[in-house]
Amino acid sequence: MPSTATKAAPAQRSGNTGPAPALTDRSLSFLVRQAHRAFVARLVDQLVPHDVSAAEWAVLRMLWLQEGLTQVALADRMRVRKASLTSVLSTLERKGFLRRTQRGEDRRKYHLFLTRSGRALETELLPIGAAINRRALAGVDPEDADVAARVLERVIANLVA
């Protein structure tokens, strides 16, 4: 029986220099999502031997930059919901990469700190992320990469404002 799925039409390049129309496979939102999925797939492949998930990587990466954040502050920086971090933080704690510490007078707030093992992962895992970025940008003019980064920063600012 023939497939009813339709194949995406190839991108048209004939003289249309304006922005890609919305809701197509050339829209910025679609392309950003596909790029994100490709980055995550490569990252997951590389993290398997280290027993670290992509979500755990994202948390570790933030804590390598700044420890002592509360779960709320970490969620804000990562632009995720606080509740979505709960199981990731518990897993990192169970693996011995993270500890939660109460500080100050508010006993409801826990501050997040890396253990020695969690800090040691930085030298193992950061090069993986850097290698994936280099692979993604292979053949891309550095000026074009800079423009793309600036555009995406503006898009993010527009959407979170």
Protein backbone atom coordinates (compact mmCIF):
# COMPACT_ATOMS: atom_id res chain seq x y z
CA MET A 1 0.00 0.00 0.00
CA PRO A 2 1.49 3.39 -0.91
CA SER A 3 2.44 5.70 1.92
CA THR A 4 0.15 8.63 2.61
CA ALA A 5 2.99 10.63 4.14
CA THR A 6 4.07 13.58 2.10
CA LYS A 7 7.67 14.46 1.57
CA ALA A 8 8.68 17.98 2.52
CA ALA A 9 9.16 20.17 -0.51
CA PRO A 10 12.71 21.31 -1.12
CA ALA A 11 13.50 24.84 -0.07
CA GLN A 12 12.82 27.33 -2.81
CA ARG A 13 15.64 29.74 -3.42
CA SER A 14 14.39 31.57 -6.49
CA GLY A 15 14.76 35.22 -5.69
CA ASN A 16 12.96 35.10 -2.33
CA THR A 17 15.35 36.83 0.05
CA GLY A 18 12.80 37.72 2.70
CA PRO A 19 12.27 35.79 5.92
CA ALA A 20 11.02 32.24 5.63
CA PRO A 21 7.26 31.99 5.95
CA ALA A 22 5.89 30.74 9.25
CA LEU A 23 4.86 27.13 9.69
CA THR A 24 7.18 25.63 7.10
CA ASP A 25 10.28 23.52 7.34
CA ARG A 26 12.25 26.72 6.67
CA SER A 27 10.75 28.75 9.50
CA LEU A 28 13.21 29.86 12.14
CA SER A 29 11.34 28.06 14.92
CA PHE A 30 11.38 24.77 13.00
CA LEU A 31 15.08 25.07 12.14
CA VAL A 32 16.06 26.01 15.71
CA ARG A 33 14.15 23.00 17.03
CA GLN A 34 15.81 20.67 14.50
CA ALA A 35 19.25 22.09 15.35
CA HIS A 36 18.53 21.63 19.06
CA ARG A 37 17.49 18.02 18.50
CA ALA A 38 20.67 17.35 16.51
CA PHE A 39 22.84 18.91 19.23
CA VAL A 40 21.11 16.89 21.95
CA ALA A 41 21.37 13.63 19.97
CA ARG A 42 25.13 14.09 19.56
CA LEU A 43 25.49 15.06 23.21
CA VAL A 44 23.52 12.04 24.44
CA ASP A 45 25.70 9.75 22.31
CA GLN A 46 28.84 11.17 23.89
CA LEU A 47 27.53 11.22 27.48
CA VAL A 48 26.51 7.53 27.60
CA PRO A 49 29.95 6.30 28.73
CA HIS A 50 29.89 8.85 31.56
CA ASP A 51 26.42 7.83 32.82
CA VAL A 52 25.19 11.40 32.52
CA SER A 53 21.95 12.38 30.79
CA ALA A 54 21.48 15.52 28.69
CA ALA A 55 19.33 17.04 31.47
CA GLU A 56 22.03 16.27 34.05
CA TRP A 57 24.65 17.77 31.72
CA ALA A 58 22.63 21.00 31.51
CA VAL A 59 22.46 21.30 35.30
CA LEU A 60 26.13 20.43 35.76
CA ARG A 61 27.10 22.98 33.13
CA MET A 62 25.27 25.74 35.00
CA LEU A 63 26.75 24.72 38.34
CA TRP A 64 30.27 24.60 36.89
CA LEU A 65 29.73 28.29 36.18
CA GLN A 66 28.19 29.14 39.56
CA GLU A 67 27.53 27.00 42.58
CA GLY A 68 25.34 27.84 45.56
CA LEU A 69 22.24 28.64 43.54
CA THR A 70 18.85 27.63 44.88
CA GLN A 71 16.65 25.38 42.77
CA VAL A 72 14.49 28.38 41.88
CA ALA A 73 17.50 30.45 40.79
CA LEU A 74 18.87 27.55 38.77
CA ALA A 75 15.50 27.03 37.07
CA ASP A 76 15.35 30.73 36.20
CA ARG A 77 18.82 30.67 34.66
CA MET A 78 18.04 27.54 32.69
CA ARG A 79 14.61 28.88 31.68
CA VAL A 80 12.87 25.72 32.88
CA ARG A 81 10.22 25.07 35.50
CA LYS A 82 11.48 24.43 39.02
CA ALA A 83 9.52 21.17 39.21
CA SER A 84 11.27 19.82 36.11
CA LEU A 85 14.61 20.03 37.94
CA THR A 86 13.53 18.07 41.00
CA SER A 87 14.17 14.58 39.64
CA VAL A 88 17.35 15.65 37.83
CA LEU A 89 18.76 17.13 41.04
CA SER A 90 17.79 14.03 43.00
CA THR A 91 19.56 11.82 40.44
CA LEU A 92 22.70 13.97 40.52
CA GLU A 93 22.65 13.81 44.31
CA ARG A 94 22.18 10.02 44.27
CA LYS A 95 25.11 9.69 41.84
CA GLY A 96 27.28 11.69 44.23
CA PHE A 97 27.76 14.70 41.93
CA LEU A 98 25.69 17.22 43.88
CA ARG A 99 24.80 18.12 47.45
CA ARG A 100 22.00 20.32 48.70
CA THR A 101 22.80 22.52 51.67
CA GLN A 102 20.55 24.68 53.80
CA ARG A 103 21.99 28.13 54.38
CA GLY A 104 20.69 31.15 56.19
CA GLU A 105 17.44 31.42 58.07
CA ASP A 106 15.06 30.06 55.46
CA ARG A 107 15.13 26.30 56.07
CA ARG A 108 12.96 25.69 52.99
CA LYS A 109 15.71 26.80 50.62
CA TYR A 110 18.47 24.46 49.63
CA HIS A 111 21.57 25.70 47.85
CA LEU A 112 23.19 23.48 45.26
CA PHE A 113 26.88 22.61 45.38
CA LEU A 114 28.96 20.20 43.38
CA THR A 115 30.82 17.43 45.12
CA ARG A 116 34.43 16.71 44.25
CA SER A 117 33.15 14.11 41.75
CA GLY A 118 30.72 16.59 40.19
CA ARG A 119 33.45 19.19 39.84
CA ALA A 120 35.84 16.60 38.33
CA LEU A 121 33.32 15.86 35.57
CA GLU A 122 33.91 19.37 34.22
CA THR A 123 37.31 18.45 32.76
CA GLU A 124 35.84 15.29 31.21
CA LEU A 125 32.56 16.64 29.87
CA LEU A 126 33.18 20.24 28.79
CA PRO A 127 35.45 19.12 25.93
CA ILE A 128 32.57 16.97 24.67
CA GLY A 129 30.32 20.02 24.37
CA ALA A 130 33.10 22.01 22.73
CA ALA A 131 33.72 19.22 20.18
CA ILE A 132 30.01 19.07 19.32
CA ASN A 133 29.97 22.84 18.76
CA ARG A 134 33.04 22.58 16.52
CA ARG A 135 31.38 19.78 14.55
CA ALA A 136 28.19 21.82 14.19
CA LEU A 137 30.11 24.80 12.86
CA ALA A 138 32.35 22.88 10.46
CA GLY A 139 32.34 24.72 7.15
CA VAL A 140 30.51 27.73 8.59
CA ASP A 141 32.23 31.08 8.17
CA PRO A 142 33.05 32.43 11.68
CA GLU A 143 31.36 35.73 10.80
CA ASP A 144 28.19 33.86 9.85
CA ALA A 145 28.34 31.92 13.12
CA ASP A 146 28.66 35.21 15.00
CA VAL A 147 25.67 36.68 13.15
CA ALA A 148 23.63 33.55 13.87
CA ALA A 149 24.49 33.76 17.57
CA ARG A 150 23.52 37.44 17.72
CA VAL A 151 20.24 36.76 15.92
CA LEU A 152 19.37 33.91 18.28
CA GLU A 153 20.23 36.05 21.32
CA ARG A 154 17.84 38.72 20.00
CA VAL A 155 15.13 36.14 19.32
CA ILE A 156 15.47 34.80 22.86
CA ALA A 157 15.34 38.31 24.31
CA ASN A 158 12.24 39.11 22.27
CA LEU A 159 10.45 35.98 23.40
CA VAL A 160 11.31 36.05 27.10
CA ALA A 161 10.55 39.75 27.53
